[in-house]
C-alpha atoms as a PDB file:
ATOM      1  CA  UNK A   1     116.893  87.238 117.996  1.00  0.00           C
ATOM      2  CA  UNK A   2     115.193  89.402 115.074  1.00  0.00           C
ATOM      3  CA  UNK A   3     115.907  89.019 111.043  1.00  0.00           C
ATOM      4  CA  UNK A   4     118.954  92.445 111.765  1.00  0.00           C
ATOM      5  CA  UNK A   5     120.448  90.052 113.750  1.00  0.00           C
ATOM      6  CA  UNK A   6     120.631  87.316 111.688  1.00  0.00           C
ATOM      7  CA  UNK A   7     121.906  89.183 108.972  1.00  0.00           C
ATOM      8  CA  UNK A   8     124.544  90.882 111.235  1.00  0.00           C
ATOM      9  CA  UNK A   9     125.588  87.143 112.588  1.00  0.00           C
ATOM     10  CA  UNK A  10     125.708  85.885 108.783  1.00  0.00           C
ATOM     11  CA  UNK A  11     128.179  88.904 107.921  1.00  0.00           C
ATOM     12  CA  UNK A  12     130.760  87.453 110.435  1.00  0.00           C
ATOM     13  CA  UNK A  13     133.097  84.867 108.461  1.00  0.00           C
ATOM     14  CA  UNK A  14     136.039  83.219 109.909  1.00  0.00           C
ATOM     15  CA  UNK A  15     136.910  79.304 110.161  1.00  0.00           C
ATOM     16  CA  UNK A  16     136.367  77.558 112.699  1.00  0.00           C
ATOM     17  CA  UNK A  17     133.336  79.043 113.405  1.00  0.00           C
ATOM     18  CA  UNK A  18     131.215  77.029 116.270  1.00  0.00           C
ATOM     19  CA  UNK A  19     127.236  77.007 116.198  1.00  0.00           C
ATOM     20  CA  UNK A  20     125.657  74.904 118.588  1.00  0.00           C
ATOM     21  CA  UNK A  21     121.787  74.925 118.874  1.00  0.00           C
ATOM     22  CA  UNK A  22     119.343  73.421 121.759  1.00  0.00           C
ATOM     23  CA  UNK A  23     115.422  72.531 121.931  1.00  0.00           C
ATOM     24  CA  UNK A  24     115.091  73.299 125.910  1.00  0.00           C
ATOM     25  CA  UNK A  25     111.951  73.262 128.235  1.00  0.00           C
ATOM     26  CA  UNK A  26     110.698  76.693 129.877  1.00  0.00           C
ATOM     27  CA  UNK A  27     109.220  73.823 132.953  1.00  0.00           C
ATOM     28  CA  UNK A  28     111.347  71.816 135.918  1.00  0.00           C
ATOM     29  CA  UNK A  29     111.665  68.891 135.755  1.00  0.00           C
ATOM     30  CA  UNK A  30     112.336  69.047 132.084  1.00  0.00           C
ATOM     31  CA  UNK A  31     114.585  71.694 132.179  1.00  0.00           C
ATOM     32  CA  UNK A  32     116.904  70.520 134.472  1.00  0.00           C
ATOM     33  CA  UNK A  33     118.031  67.659 131.887  1.00  0.00           C
ATOM     34  CA  UNK A  34     119.153  70.753 129.730  1.00  0.00           C
ATOM     35  CA  UNK A  35     121.908  71.328 131.480  1.00  0.00           C
ATOM     36  CA  UNK A  36     123.628  68.003 130.221  1.00  0.00           C
ATOM     37  CA  UNK A  37     122.770  67.522 127.468  1.00  0.00           C
ATOM     38  CA  UNK A  38     124.229  71.728 126.756  1.00  0.00           C
ATOM     39  CA  UNK A  39     127.109  70.172 128.493  1.00  0.00           C
ATOM     40  CA  UNK A  40     127.536  66.779 126.499  1.00  0.00           C
ATOM     41  CA  UNK A  41     127.125  69.714 122.660  1.00  0.00           C
ATOM     42  CA  UNK A  42     129.842  71.148 124.205  1.00  0.00           C
ATOM     43  CA  UNK A  43     132.651  68.819 125.337  1.00  0.00           C
ATOM     44  CA  UNK A  44     131.636  67.201 121.873  1.00  0.00           C
ATOM     45  CA  UNK A  45     132.417  70.665 120.538  1.00  0.00           C
ATOM     46  CA  UNK A  46     135.639  70.649 122.163  1.00  0.00           C
ATOM     47  CA  UNK A  47     137.094  67.324 121.654  1.00  0.00           C
ATOM     48  CA  UNK A  48     136.222  67.775 117.789  1.00  0.00           C
ATOM     49  CA  UNK A  49     138.242  71.771 118.017  1.00  0.00           C
ATOM     50  CA  UNK A  50     141.186  69.691 120.282  1.00  0.00           C
ATOM     51  CA  UNK A  51     141.256  67.056 117.669  1.00  0.00           C
ATOM     52  CA  UNK A  52     141.486  69.241 114.378  1.00  0.00           C
ATOM     53  CA  UNK A  53     142.967  72.422 115.151  1.00  0.00           C
ATOM     54  CA  UNK A  54     146.120  73.330 117.641  1.00  0.00           C
ATOM     55  CA  UNK A  55     145.185  74.120 121.166  1.00  0.00           C
ATOM     56  CA  UNK A  56     146.815  77.516 121.093  1.00  0.00           C
ATOM     57  CA  UNK A  57     144.078  78.869 117.746  1.00  0.00           C
ATOM     58  CA  UNK A  58     141.402  77.797 119.553  1.00  0.00           C
ATOM     59  CA  UNK A  59     141.622  77.914 123.408  1.00  0.00           C
ATOM     60  CA  UNK A  60     139.200  81.508 123.216  1.00  0.00           C
ATOM     61  CA  UNK A  61     137.042  79.658 121.398  1.00  0.00           C
ATOM     62  CA  UNK A  62     136.787  77.216 123.697  1.00  0.00           C
ATOM     63  CA  UNK A  63     136.578  79.259 126.616  1.00  0.00           C
ATOM     64  CA  UNK A  64     133.862  80.979 125.017  1.00  0.00           C
ATOM     65  CA  UNK A  65     131.751  78.614 124.473  1.00  0.00           C
ATOM     66  CA  UNK A  66     132.216  77.519 128.105  1.00  0.00           C
ATOM     67  CA  UNK A  67     131.570  80.587 129.855  1.00  0.00           C
ATOM     68  CA  UNK A  68     128.060  81.667 127.413  1.00  0.00           C
ATOM     69  CA  UNK A  69     127.447  77.635 128.433  1.00  0.00           C
ATOM     70  CA  UNK A  70     128.011  78.278 132.366  1.00  0.00           C
ATOM     71  CA  UNK A  71     125.759  81.403 132.229  1.00  0.00           C
ATOM     72  CA  UNK A  72     122.959  79.783 131.372  1.00  0.00           C
ATOM     73  CA  UNK A  73     119.542  79.788 134.080  1.00  0.00           C
ATOM     74  CA  UNK A  74     118.195  77.128 132.716  1.00  0.00           C
ATOM     75  CA  UNK A  75     115.252  77.685 135.174  1.00  0.00           C
ATOM     76  CA  UNK A  76     114.636  80.720 132.646  1.00  0.00           C
ATOM     77  CA  UNK A  77     114.668  78.586 129.598  1.00  0.00           C
ATOM     78  CA  UNK A  78     112.683  79.476 126.257  1.00  0.00           C
ATOM     79  CA  UNK A  79     112.076  76.856 123.684  1.00  0.00           C
ATOM     80  CA  UNK A  80     115.205  77.123 121.948  1.00  0.00           C
ATOM     81  CA  UNK A  81     118.727  77.938 123.144  1.00  0.00           C
ATOM     82  CA  UNK A  82     121.564  79.098 120.404  1.00  0.00           C
ATOM     83  CA  UNK A  83     125.303  79.379 121.342  1.00  0.00           C
ATOM     84  CA  UNK A  84     128.090  81.456 119.117  1.00  0.00           C
ATOM     85  CA  UNK A  85     131.425  81.534 118.966  1.00  0.00           C
ATOM     86  CA  UNK A  86     134.239  82.440 117.085  1.00  0.00           C
ATOM     87  CA  UNK A  87     137.612  84.255 117.491  1.00  0.00           C
ATOM     88  CA  UNK A  88     136.211  87.491 116.876  1.00  0.00           C
ATOM     89  CA  UNK A  89     132.484  86.702 118.103  1.00  0.00           C
ATOM     90  CA  UNK A  90     130.317  85.415 120.865  1.00  0.00           C
ATOM     91  CA  UNK A  91     126.900  85.303 121.879  1.00  0.00           C
ATOM     92  CA  UNK A  92     124.299  83.330 123.041  1.00  0.00           C
ATOM     93  CA  UNK A  93     120.703  83.532 122.645  1.00  0.00           C
ATOM     94  CA  UNK A  94     117.207  82.134 124.198  1.00  0.00           C
ATOM     95  CA  UNK A  95     114.741  81.573 121.508  1.00  0.00           C
ATOM     96  CA  UNK A  96     111.083  81.387 121.704  1.00  0.00           C
ATOM     97  CA  UNK A  97     110.776  78.007 119.352  1.00  0.00           C
ATOM     98  CA  UNK A  98     112.084  74.227 118.873  1.00  0.00           C
ATOM     99  CA  UNK A  99     116.006  73.942 117.347  1.00  0.00           C
ATOM    100  CA  UNK A 100     116.986  70.735 116.650  1.00  0.00           C
ATOM    101  CA  UNK A 101     120.388  69.407 118.602  1.00  0.00           C
ATOM    102  CA  UNK A 102     123.053  70.029 116.744  1.00  0.00           C
ATOM    103  CA  UNK A 103     126.815  70.933 117.012  1.00  0.00           C
ATOM    104  CA  UNK A 104     128.462  72.762 113.780  1.00  0.00           C
ATOM    105  CA  UNK A 105     132.096  73.593 112.531  1.00  0.00           C
ATOM    106  CA  UNK A 106     131.865  76.527 109.659  1.00  0.00           C
ATOM    107  CA  UNK A 107     133.451  79.359 107.802  1.00  0.00           C
ATOM    108  CA  UNK A 108     130.565  80.800 108.809  1.00  0.00           C
ATOM    109  CA  UNK A 109     127.639  80.601 111.745  1.00  0.00           C
ATOM    110  CA  UNK A 110     124.949  78.171 110.612  1.00  0.00           C
ATOM    111  CA  UNK A 111     122.248  80.238 110.839  1.00  0.00           C
ATOM    112  CA  UNK A 112     119.475  78.361 108.584  1.00  0.00           C
ATOM    113  CA  UNK A 113     117.892  77.001 112.071  1.00  0.00           C
ATOM    114  CA  UNK A 114     116.865  79.675 113.199  1.00  0.00           C
ATOM    115  CA  UNK A 115     115.055  80.969 109.680  1.00  0.00           C
ATOM    116  CA  UNK A 116     113.925  77.872 109.437  1.00  0.00           C
ATOM    117  CA  UNK A 117     112.030  77.793 113.065  1.00  0.00           C
ATOM    118  CA  UNK A 118     110.840  81.266 112.995  1.00  0.00           C
ATOM    119  CA  UNK A 119     109.077  80.789 109.266  1.00  0.00           C
ATOM    120  CA  UNK A 120     108.063  77.509 110.073  1.00  0.00           C
ATOM    121  CA  UNK A 121     106.096  78.719 113.243  1.00  0.00           C
ATOM    122  CA  UNK A 122     104.900  82.183 112.404  1.00  0.00           C
ATOM    123  CA  UNK A 123     106.120  84.900 115.156  1.00  0.00           C
ATOM    124  CA  UNK A 124     103.785  87.970 115.222  1.00  0.00           C
ATOM    125  CA  UNK A 125     103.243  91.092 116.945  1.00  0.00           C
ATOM    126  CA  UNK A 126     101.576  91.372 119.128  1.00  0.00           C
ATOM    127  CA  UNK A 127     100.198  95.764 120.329  1.00  0.00           C
ATOM    128  CA  UNK A 128      97.378  95.845 122.978  1.00  0.00           C
ATOM    129  CA  UNK A 129      95.857  99.349 122.768  1.00  0.00           C
ATOM    130  CA  UNK A 130      95.071 100.752 125.892  1.00  0.00           C
ATOM    131  CA  UNK A 131      95.351 104.525 127.847  1.00  0.00           C
ATOM    132  CA  UNK A 132      96.671 103.582 130.843  1.00  0.00           C
ATOM    133  CA  UNK A 133      99.643 101.664 128.617  1.00  0.00           C
ATOM    134  CA  UNK A 134      99.979 100.019 125.318  1.00  0.00           C
ATOM    135  CA  UNK A 135     102.077  97.465 124.815  1.00  0.00           C
ATOM    136  CA  UNK A 136     103.897  95.281 122.523  1.00  0.00           C
ATOM    137  CA  UNK A 137     104.735  91.925 122.713  1.00  0.00           C
ATOM    138  CA  UNK A 138     106.334  89.189 120.005  1.00  0.00           C
ATOM    139  CA  UNK A 139     103.935  86.013 119.596  1.00  0.00           C
ATOM    140  CA  UNK A 140     104.871  82.507 119.017  1.00  0.00           C
ATOM    141  CA  UNK A 141     101.761  80.448 119.164  1.00  0.00           C
ATOM    142  CA  UNK A 142     100.454  81.461 122.497  1.00  0.00           C
ATOM    143  CA  UNK A 143     103.604  82.561 123.836  1.00  0.00           C
ATOM    144  CA  UNK A 144     104.519  86.118 124.319  1.00  0.00           C
ATOM    145  CA  UNK A 145     107.767  87.571 125.452  1.00  0.00           C
ATOM    146  CA  UNK A 146     107.107  91.567 125.922  1.00  0.00           C
ATOM    147  CA  UNK A 147     108.878  93.557 124.223  1.00  0.00           C
ATOM    148  CA  UNK A 148     110.389  97.018 125.548  1.00  0.00           C
ATOM    149  CA  UNK A 149     111.572  99.468 122.893  1.00  0.00           C
ATOM    150  CA  UNK A 150     110.411 101.372 120.167  1.00  0.00           C
ATOM    151  CA  UNK A 151     108.699 103.519 122.262  1.00  0.00           C
ATOM    152  CA  UNK A 152     106.124 100.852 124.298  1.00  0.00           C
ATOM    153  CA  UNK A 153     105.119 100.919 126.385  1.00  0.00           C
ATOM    154  CA  UNK A 154     103.172 103.523 125.541  1.00  0.00           C
ATOM    155  CA  UNK A 155     100.769 105.591 128.437  1.00  0.00           C
ATOM    156  CA  UNK A 156      98.081 108.232 127.182  1.00  0.00           C
ATOM    157  CA  UNK A 157      97.223 109.381 131.213  1.00  0.00           C
ATOM    158  CA  UNK A 158     100.138 112.042 131.864  1.00  0.00           C
ATOM    159  CA  UNK A 159      98.526 113.718 128.649  1.00  0.00           C
ATOM    160  CA  UNK A 160      95.099 113.832 128.802  1.00  0.00           C
ATOM    161  CA  UNK A 161      94.958 114.979 132.623  1.00  0.00           C
ATOM    162  CA  UNK A 162      97.111 118.235 131.093  1.00  0.00           C
ATOM    163  CA  UNK A 163      94.504 119.370 129.300  1.00  0.00           C
ATOM    164  CA  UNK A 164      94.133 123.424 128.976  1.00  0.00           C
ATOM    165  CA  UNK A 165      90.661 123.651 130.902  1.00  0.00           C
ATOM    166  CA  UNK A 166      87.395 125.113 129.304  1.00  0.00           C
ATOM    167  CA  UNK A 167      88.295 123.627 125.948  1.00  0.00           C
ATOM    168  CA  UNK A 168      86.338 120.583 124.832  1.00  0.00           C
ATOM    169  CA  UNK A 169      87.681 117.197 126.741  1.00  0.00           C
ATOM    170  CA  UNK A 170      85.918 115.202 124.658  1.00  0.00           C
ATOM    171  CA  UNK A 171      86.806 116.900 121.259  1.00  0.00           C
ATOM    172  CA  UNK A 172      90.181 117.434 122.534  1.00  0.00           C
ATOM    173  CA  UNK A 173      91.012 113.363 124.001  1.00  0.00           C
ATOM    174  CA  UNK A 174      89.476 112.152 120.273  1.00  0.00           C
ATOM    175  CA  UNK A 175      92.468 113.757 119.200  1.00  0.00           C
ATOM    176  CA  UNK A 176      94.899 113.240 121.834  1.00  0.00           C
ATOM    177  CA  UNK A 177      93.727 109.484 121.234  1.00  0.00           C
ATOM    178  CA  UNK A 178      94.081 109.898 117.215  1.00  0.00           C
ATOM    179  CA  UNK A 179      98.018 111.357 117.603  1.00  0.00           C
ATOM    180  CA  UNK A 180      98.681 108.863 120.172  1.00  0.00           C
ATOM    181  CA  UNK A 181      98.062 106.194 117.435  1.00  0.00           C
ATOM    182  CA  UNK A 182      99.721 107.643 114.811  1.00  0.00           C
ATOM    183  CA  UNK A 183     102.773 107.265 117.101  1.00  0.00           C
ATOM    184  CA  UNK A 184     102.192 103.963 117.875  1.00  0.00           C
ATOM    185  CA  UNK A 185     101.715 102.781 114.309  1.00  0.00           C
ATOM    186  CA  UNK A 186     105.018 104.448 112.869  1.00  0.00           C
ATOM    187  CA  UNK A 187     106.779 102.601 116.516  1.00  0.00           C
ATOM    188  CA  UNK A 188     104.970  98.741 114.803  1.00  0.00           C
ATOM    189  CA  UNK A 189     106.440  99.949 111.799  1.00  0.00           C
ATOM    190  CA  UNK A 190     110.051 100.188 113.061  1.00  0.00           C
ATOM    191  CA  UNK A 191     109.420  97.110 115.374  1.00  0.00           C
ATOM    192  CA  UNK A 192     108.522  95.033 112.522  1.00  0.00           C
ATOM    193  CA  UNK A 193     111.553  95.561 110.007  1.00  0.00           C
ATOM    194  CA  UNK A 194     113.383  94.194 113.017  1.00  0.00           C
ATOM    195  CA  UNK A 195     110.832  91.201 113.561  1.00  0.00           C
ATOM    196  CA  UNK A 196     109.227  90.924 109.989  1.00  0.00           C
ATOM    197  CA  UNK A 197     105.918  89.082 111.512  1.00  0.00           C
ATOM    198  CA  UNK A 198     102.449  90.498 110.874  1.00  0.00           C
ATOM    199  CA  UNK A 199     101.093  92.703 113.480  1.00  0.00           C
ATOM    200  CA  UNK A 200      97.936  91.417 115.447  1.00  0.00           C
ATOM    201  CA  UNK A 201      95.918  95.021 117.077  1.00  0.00           C
ATOM    202  CA  UNK A 202      93.677  94.079 120.135  1.00  0.00           C
ATOM    203  CA  UNK A 203      91.610  96.815 122.092  1.00  0.00           C
ATOM    204  CA  UNK A 204      88.322  97.840 122.655  1.00  0.00           C
ATOM    205  CA  UNK A 205      86.085  99.334 119.666  1.00  0.00           C
ATOM    206  CA  UNK A 206      86.576 102.808 120.483  1.00  0.00           C
ATOM    207  CA  UNK A 207      90.755 102.675 120.451  1.00  0.00           C
ATOM    208  CA  UNK A 208      90.696 100.141 117.422  1.00  0.00           C
ATOM    209  CA  UNK A 209      88.539 103.083 115.625  1.00  0.00           C
ATOM    210  CA  UNK A 210      91.100 105.696 117.002  1.00  0.00           C
ATOM    211  CA  UNK A 211      93.478 103.260 115.496  1.00  0.00           C
ATOM    212  CA  UNK A 212      92.030 102.995 112.080  1.00  0.00           C
ATOM    213  CA  UNK A 213      92.140 106.735 111.791  1.00  0.00           C
ATOM    214  CA  UNK A 214      95.872 107.971 112.855  1.00  0.00           C
ATOM    215  CA  UNK A 215      98.127 104.957 111.983  1.00  0.00           C
ATOM    216  CA  UNK A 216      99.628 105.359 108.538  1.00  0.00           C
ATOM    217  CA  UNK A 217     100.045 101.540 108.451  1.00  0.00           C
ATOM    218  CA  UNK A 218      96.217 100.956 110.052  1.00  0.00           C
ATOM    219  CA  UNK A 219      95.888  99.327 106.679  1.00  0.00           C
ATOM    220  CA  UNK A 220      98.395  96.664 106.526  1.00  0.00           C
ATOM    221  CA  UNK A 221      97.542  94.875 109.877  1.00  0.00           C
ATOM    222  CA  UNK A 222      96.830  91.548 109.646  1.00  0.00           C
ATOM    223  CA  UNK A 223      94.102  90.933 112.125  1.00  0.00           C
ATOM    224  CA  UNK A 224      91.787  93.054 114.709  1.00  0.00           C
ATOM    225  CA  UNK A 225      90.724  91.781 117.775  1.00  0.00           C
ATOM    226  CA  UNK A 226      87.976  93.805 119.113  1.00  0.00           C
ATOM    227  CA  UNK A 227      87.902  92.679 123.065  1.00  0.00           C
ATOM    228  CA  UNK A 228      89.133  94.843 125.971  1.00  0.00           C
ATOM    229  CA  UNK A 229      91.413  92.018 127.207  1.00  0.00           C
ATOM    230  CA  UNK A 230      94.117  95.080 128.871  1.00  0.00           C
ATOM    231  CA  UNK A 231      93.808  93.410 131.809  1.00  0.00           C
ATOM    232  CA  UNK A 232      94.110  89.477 131.104  1.00  0.00           C
ATOM    233  CA  UNK A 233      97.771  88.665 132.610  1.00  0.00           C
ATOM    234  CA  UNK A 234      99.328  87.949 129.213  1.00  0.00           C
ATOM    235  CA  UNK A 235      99.063  83.300 129.691  1.00  0.00           C
ATOM    236  CA  UNK A 236      95.551  84.182 129.109  1.00  0.00           C
ATOM    237  CA  UNK A 237      95.581  86.886 126.699  1.00  0.00           C
ATOM    238  CA  UNK A 238      97.168  84.637 125.311  1.00  0.00           C
ATOM    239  CA  UNK A 239      95.713  81.038 125.735  1.00  0.00           C
ATOM    240  CA  UNK A 240      91.971  83.668 124.591  1.00  0.00           C
ATOM    241  CA  UNK A 241      93.366  85.267 121.624  1.00  0.00           C
ATOM    242  CA  UNK A 242      95.551  82.481 119.710  1.00  0.00           C
ATOM    243  CA  UNK A 243      92.663  80.217 117.779  1.00  0.00           C
ATOM    244  CA  UNK A 244      92.055  83.738 115.901  1.00  0.00           C
ATOM    245  CA  UNK A 245      95.468  84.201 115.195  1.00  0.00           C
ATOM    246  CA  UNK A 246      96.305  80.663 114.523  1.00  0.00           C
ATOM    247  CA  UNK A 247      93.500  80.905 111.602  1.00  0.00           C
ATOM    248  CA  UNK A 248      94.934  84.621 110.639  1.00  0.00           C
ATOM    249  CA  UNK A 249      98.745  83.301 110.155  1.00  0.00           C
ATOM    250  CA  UNK A 250      96.783  80.070 108.185  1.00  0.00           C
ATOM    251  CA  UNK A 251      95.717  82.294 106.139  1.00  0.00           C
ATOM    252  CA  UNK A 252      98.848  84.659 105.909  1.00  0.00           C
ATOM    253  CA  UNK A 253     100.865  81.644 104.680  1.00  0.00           C
ATOM    254  CA  UNK A 254      98.699  81.259 101.562  1.00  0.00           C
ATOM    255  CA  UNK A 255      99.163  84.590 100.379  1.00  0.00           C
ATOM    256  CA  UNK A 256     102.757  83.606  98.906  1.00  0.00           C
ATOM    257  CA  UNK A 257     101.003  81.112  96.481  1.00  0.00           C
ATOM    258  CA  UNK A 258      99.114  83.915  95.067  1.00  0.00           C
ATOM    259  CA  UNK A 259     102.558  86.577  95.025  1.00  0.00           C
ATOM    260  CA  UNK A 260     104.550  82.998  92.638  1.00  0.00           C
ATOM    261  CA  UNK A 261     100.831  83.134  90.658  1.00  0.00           C
ATOM    262  CA  UNK A 262     101.803  87.058  90.243  1.00  0.00           C
ATOM    263  CA  UNK A 263     105.224  86.211  89.756  1.00  0.00           C
ATOM    264  CA  UNK A 264     104.891  83.694  87.139  1.00  0.00           C
ATOM    265  CA  UNK A 265     102.440  85.988  84.778  1.00  0.00           C
ATOM    266  CA  UNK A 266     105.089  88.830  85.017  1.00  0.00           C
ATOM    267  CA  UNK A 267     108.028  86.714  84.341  1.00  0.00           C
ATOM    268  CA  UNK A 268     109.816  87.657  87.528  1.00  0.00           C
ATOM    269  CA  UNK A 269     110.028  83.577  88.609  1.00  0.00           C
ATOM    270  CA  UNK A 270     112.299  81.346  88.006  1.00  0.00           C
ATOM    271  CA  UNK A 271     112.333  77.138  89.102  1.00  0.00           C
ATOM    272  CA  UNK A 272     115.071  75.326  88.369  1.00  0.00           C
ATOM    273  CA  UNK A 273     117.893  74.954  90.712  1.00  0.00           C
ATOM    274  CA  UNK A 274     120.490  76.587  88.597  1.00  0.00           C
ATOM    275  CA  UNK A 275     118.465  79.372  87.725  1.00  0.00           C
ATOM    276  CA  UNK A 276     117.335  79.915  91.400  1.00  0.00           C
ATOM    277  CA  UNK A 277     121.116  79.621  92.495  1.00  0.00           C
ATOM    278  CA  UNK A 278     122.284  82.153  90.084  1.00  0.00           C
ATOM    279  CA  UNK A 279     119.289  84.794  91.050  1.00  0.00           C
ATOM    280  CA  UNK A 280     120.298  84.342  94.736  1.00  0.00           C
ATOM    281  CA  UNK A 281     124.135  84.717  94.226  1.00  0.00           C
ATOM    282  CA  UNK A 282     123.137  87.605  91.888  1.00  0.00           C
ATOM    283  CA  UNK A 283     121.457  89.510  94.589  1.00  0.00           C
ATOM    284  CA  UNK A 284     118.337  89.478  92.263  1.00  0.00           C
ATOM    285  CA  UNK A 285     115.519  87.337  94.762  1.00  0.00           C
ATOM    286  CA  UNK A 286     113.068  89.529  95.729  1.00  0.00           C
ATOM    287  CA  UNK A 287     111.787  86.202  97.927  1.00  0.00           C
ATOM    288  CA  UNK A 288     112.827  82.460  98.303  1.00  0.00           C
ATOM    289  CA  UNK A 289     110.185  79.943  98.584  1.00  0.00           C
ATOM    290  CA  UNK A 290     111.423  76.993 100.302  1.00  0.00           C
ATOM    291  CA  UNK A 291     109.575  73.668 101.578  1.00  0.00           C
ATOM    292  CA  UNK A 292     110.123  72.848 104.964  1.00  0.00           C
ATOM    293  CA  UNK A 293     111.755  69.484 104.883  1.00  0.00           C
ATOM    294  CA  UNK A 294     114.094  70.316 101.715  1.00  0.00           C
ATOM    295  CA  UNK A 295     118.124  69.453 102.038  1.00  0.00           C
ATOM    296  CA  UNK A 296     120.032  68.909  98.691  1.00  0.00           C
ATOM    297  CA  UNK A 297     123.623  68.469  99.513  1.00  0.00           C
ATOM    298  CA  UNK A 298     125.880  70.357  96.179  1.00  0.00           C
ATOM    299  CA  UNK A 299     129.364  70.773  94.883  1.00  0.00           C
ATOM    300  CA  UNK A 300     129.698  74.310  93.039  1.00  0.00           C
ATOM    301  CA  UNK A 301     131.483  74.789  90.186  1.00  0.00           C
ATOM    302  CA  UNK A 302     134.578  76.739  90.154  1.00  0.00           C
ATOM    303  CA  UNK A 303     132.907  79.727  88.092  1.00  0.00           C
ATOM    304  CA  UNK A 304     130.771  79.404  91.112  1.00  0.00           C
ATOM    305  CA  UNK A 305     127.736  79.376  88.853  1.00  0.00           C
ATOM    306  CA  UNK A 306     126.763  75.912  88.569  1.00  0.00           C
ATOM    307  CA  UNK A 307     125.659  73.251  91.361  1.00  0.00           C
ATOM    308  CA  UNK A 308     125.854  69.242  90.884  1.00  0.00           C
ATOM    309  CA  UNK A 309     124.130  67.551  93.397  1.00  0.00           C
ATOM    310  CA  UNK A 310     125.657  65.069  95.696  1.00  0.00           C
ATOM    311  CA  UNK A 311     124.460  61.882  96.800  1.00  0.00           C
ATOM    312  CA  UNK A 312     125.623  59.975  99.910  1.00  0.00           C
ATOM    313  CA  UNK A 313     128.691  60.737 101.390  1.00  0.00           C
ATOM    314  CA  UNK A 314     131.837  62.986 100.186  1.00  0.00           C
ATOM    315  CA  UNK A 315     134.453  64.501 100.983  1.00  0.00           C
ATOM    316  CA  UNK A 316     133.722  68.001 103.243  1.00  0.00           C
ATOM    317  CA  UNK A 317     135.695  70.303 100.533  1.00  0.00           C
ATOM    318  CA  UNK A 318     135.400  74.833  99.984  1.00  0.00           C
ATOM    319  CA  UNK A 319     132.775  74.130  97.146  1.00  0.00           C
ATOM    320  CA  UNK A 320     130.773  71.423  98.208  1.00  0.00           C
ATOM    321  CA  UNK A 321     127.836  71.834 100.694  1.00  0.00           C
ATOM    322  CA  UNK A 322     125.536  69.331 103.037  1.00  0.00           C
ATOM    323  CA  UNK A 323     122.853  71.579 101.978  1.00  0.00           C
ATOM    324  CA  UNK A 324     123.126  73.851  99.460  1.00  0.00           C
ATOM    325  CA  UNK A 325     119.705  75.334 100.215  1.00  0.00           C
ATOM    326  CA  UNK A 326     121.160  76.969 103.332  1.00  0.00           C
ATOM    327  CA  UNK A 327     124.056  78.853 101.431  1.00  0.00           C
ATOM    328  CA  UNK A 328     121.067  80.037  98.842  1.00  0.00           C
ATOM    329  CA  UNK A 329     118.868  81.026 103.033  1.00  0.00           C
ATOM    330  CA  UNK A 330     122.139  83.213 103.741  1.00  0.00           C
ATOM    331  CA  UNK A 331     122.401  85.279 100.441  1.00  0.00           C
ATOM    332  CA  UNK A 332     119.026  85.812  99.686  1.00  0.00           C
ATOM    333  CA  UNK A 333     118.894  87.174 103.610  1.00  0.00           C
ATOM    334  CA  UNK A 334     122.363  89.600 102.946  1.00  0.00           C
ATOM    335  CA  UNK A 335     120.489  91.082 100.312  1.00  0.00           C
ATOM    336  CA  UNK A 336     117.463  91.920 102.150  1.00  0.00           C
ATOM    337  CA  UNK A 337     115.255  89.326 100.734  1.00  0.00           C
ATOM    338  CA  UNK A 338     112.380  87.256 101.856  1.00  0.00           C
ATOM    339  CA  UNK A 339     112.864  83.628 102.467  1.00  0.00           C
ATOM    340  CA  UNK A 340     108.899  81.894 103.301  1.00  0.00           C
ATOM    341  CA  UNK A 341     108.991  77.901 103.942  1.00  0.00           C
ATOM    342  CA  UNK A 342     105.960  76.344 102.838  1.00  0.00           C
ATOM    343  CA  UNK A 343     104.312  72.561 103.123  1.00  0.00           C
ATOM    344  CA  UNK A 344     106.111  69.674 101.702  1.00  0.00           C
ATOM    345  CA  UNK A 345     104.925  68.778  98.577  1.00  0.00           C
ATOM    346  CA  UNK A 346     102.635  71.911  98.507  1.00  0.00           C
ATOM    347  CA  UNK A 347     105.135  73.466  95.508  1.00  0.00           C
ATOM    348  CA  UNK A 348     105.749  69.455  93.263  1.00  0.00           C
ATOM    349  CA  UNK A 349     102.863  70.958  90.764  1.00  0.00           C
ATOM    350  CA  UNK A 350     105.121  74.194  90.208  1.00  0.00           C
ATOM    351  CA  UNK A 351     107.863  72.509  90.898  1.00  0.00           C
ATOM    352  CA  UNK A 352     108.066  68.378  90.047  1.00  0.00           C
ATOM    353  CA  UNK A 353     111.972  68.113  90.676  1.00  0.00           C
ATOM    354  CA  UNK A 354     113.344  70.250  94.056  1.00  0.00           C
ATOM    355  CA  UNK A 355     110.573  71.686  96.978  1.00  0.00           C
ATOM    356  CA  UNK A 356     111.378  75.619  95.564  1.00  0.00           C
ATOM    357  CA  UNK A 357     111.227  78.875  93.700  1.00  0.00           C
ATOM    358  CA  UNK A 358     111.912  81.807  93.496  1.00  0.00           C
ATOM    359  CA  UNK A 359     110.239  85.542  92.772  1.00  0.00           C
ATOM    360  CA  UNK A 360     112.895  87.624  91.588  1.00  0.00           C
ATOM    361  CA  UNK A 361     113.252  91.468  91.735  1.00  0.00           C
ATOM    362  CA  UNK A 362     113.530  92.138  87.716  1.00  0.00           C
END
């Protein structure tokens, strides 16, 4: 699951669209309980569908939900599971971060929890530079999941072995390695498009030096870790380097406040709830910044331009949203904007009324 896939799912609109999310466990005996909890969620959704719709209308959806649930092998769970099902689309994903236990029936798939989880517990891209095989991982805290795409894993062994006899092998080798690092840098750019996360590069001093010389994006790396860790297992590697990455991710997250300050000086900043909403629907938001636990119930005006906040229980209608923040997130991502979550009350001085602001494109 990555940002590109989330955008594709957000673009699908069909009523009813079912979203099931579940926190799961990687190890026994806890993961044995996941199957029971998933079965209960599925039954809840089926009951709601059958009470609201004719069985023939939702038969395909029900069959897809039950099939996807039955296909889950809970022995290999990660930290979260999501199931999407409508008449036009169905899929399930295991994810390396926690999700709430929830079942939703809407006119589109509910993706806020995915975006929220990805930003609350930031992901990072980790590449281990090695001539024997440069590997790529998506990291979540001290858990690494290997990515075998974008050309990874890369290997230099065969290329160096074919260097022409009589050449200055040391010079040729250095040039080959530098060119190789340029290729790795380009592959990381593509990986980052799909998973917009900061990059960590691990390797011995010599290979990091070649990467800095060859990769076009070497200045954009969040953290370099100089260490010969390529022979460690994924588990050992993650445990070893996570403290350094954790500190770097915290510093990276704080940069958004510098961006907010700059945008205020350039008149590219809005904080009023209606102005933020209008910027979202107009595609003007470059970055939407939201406090982690912010939820706002609201009704949208007939012209779609204004919000009326709601409190307590209310009747769900086409223009009434239990959480309008979710709609804002989806509209920003649909127009290639960014969404950043920050700590609760950290925006209070900037926006005392609501915990969200927007950096606009113009």
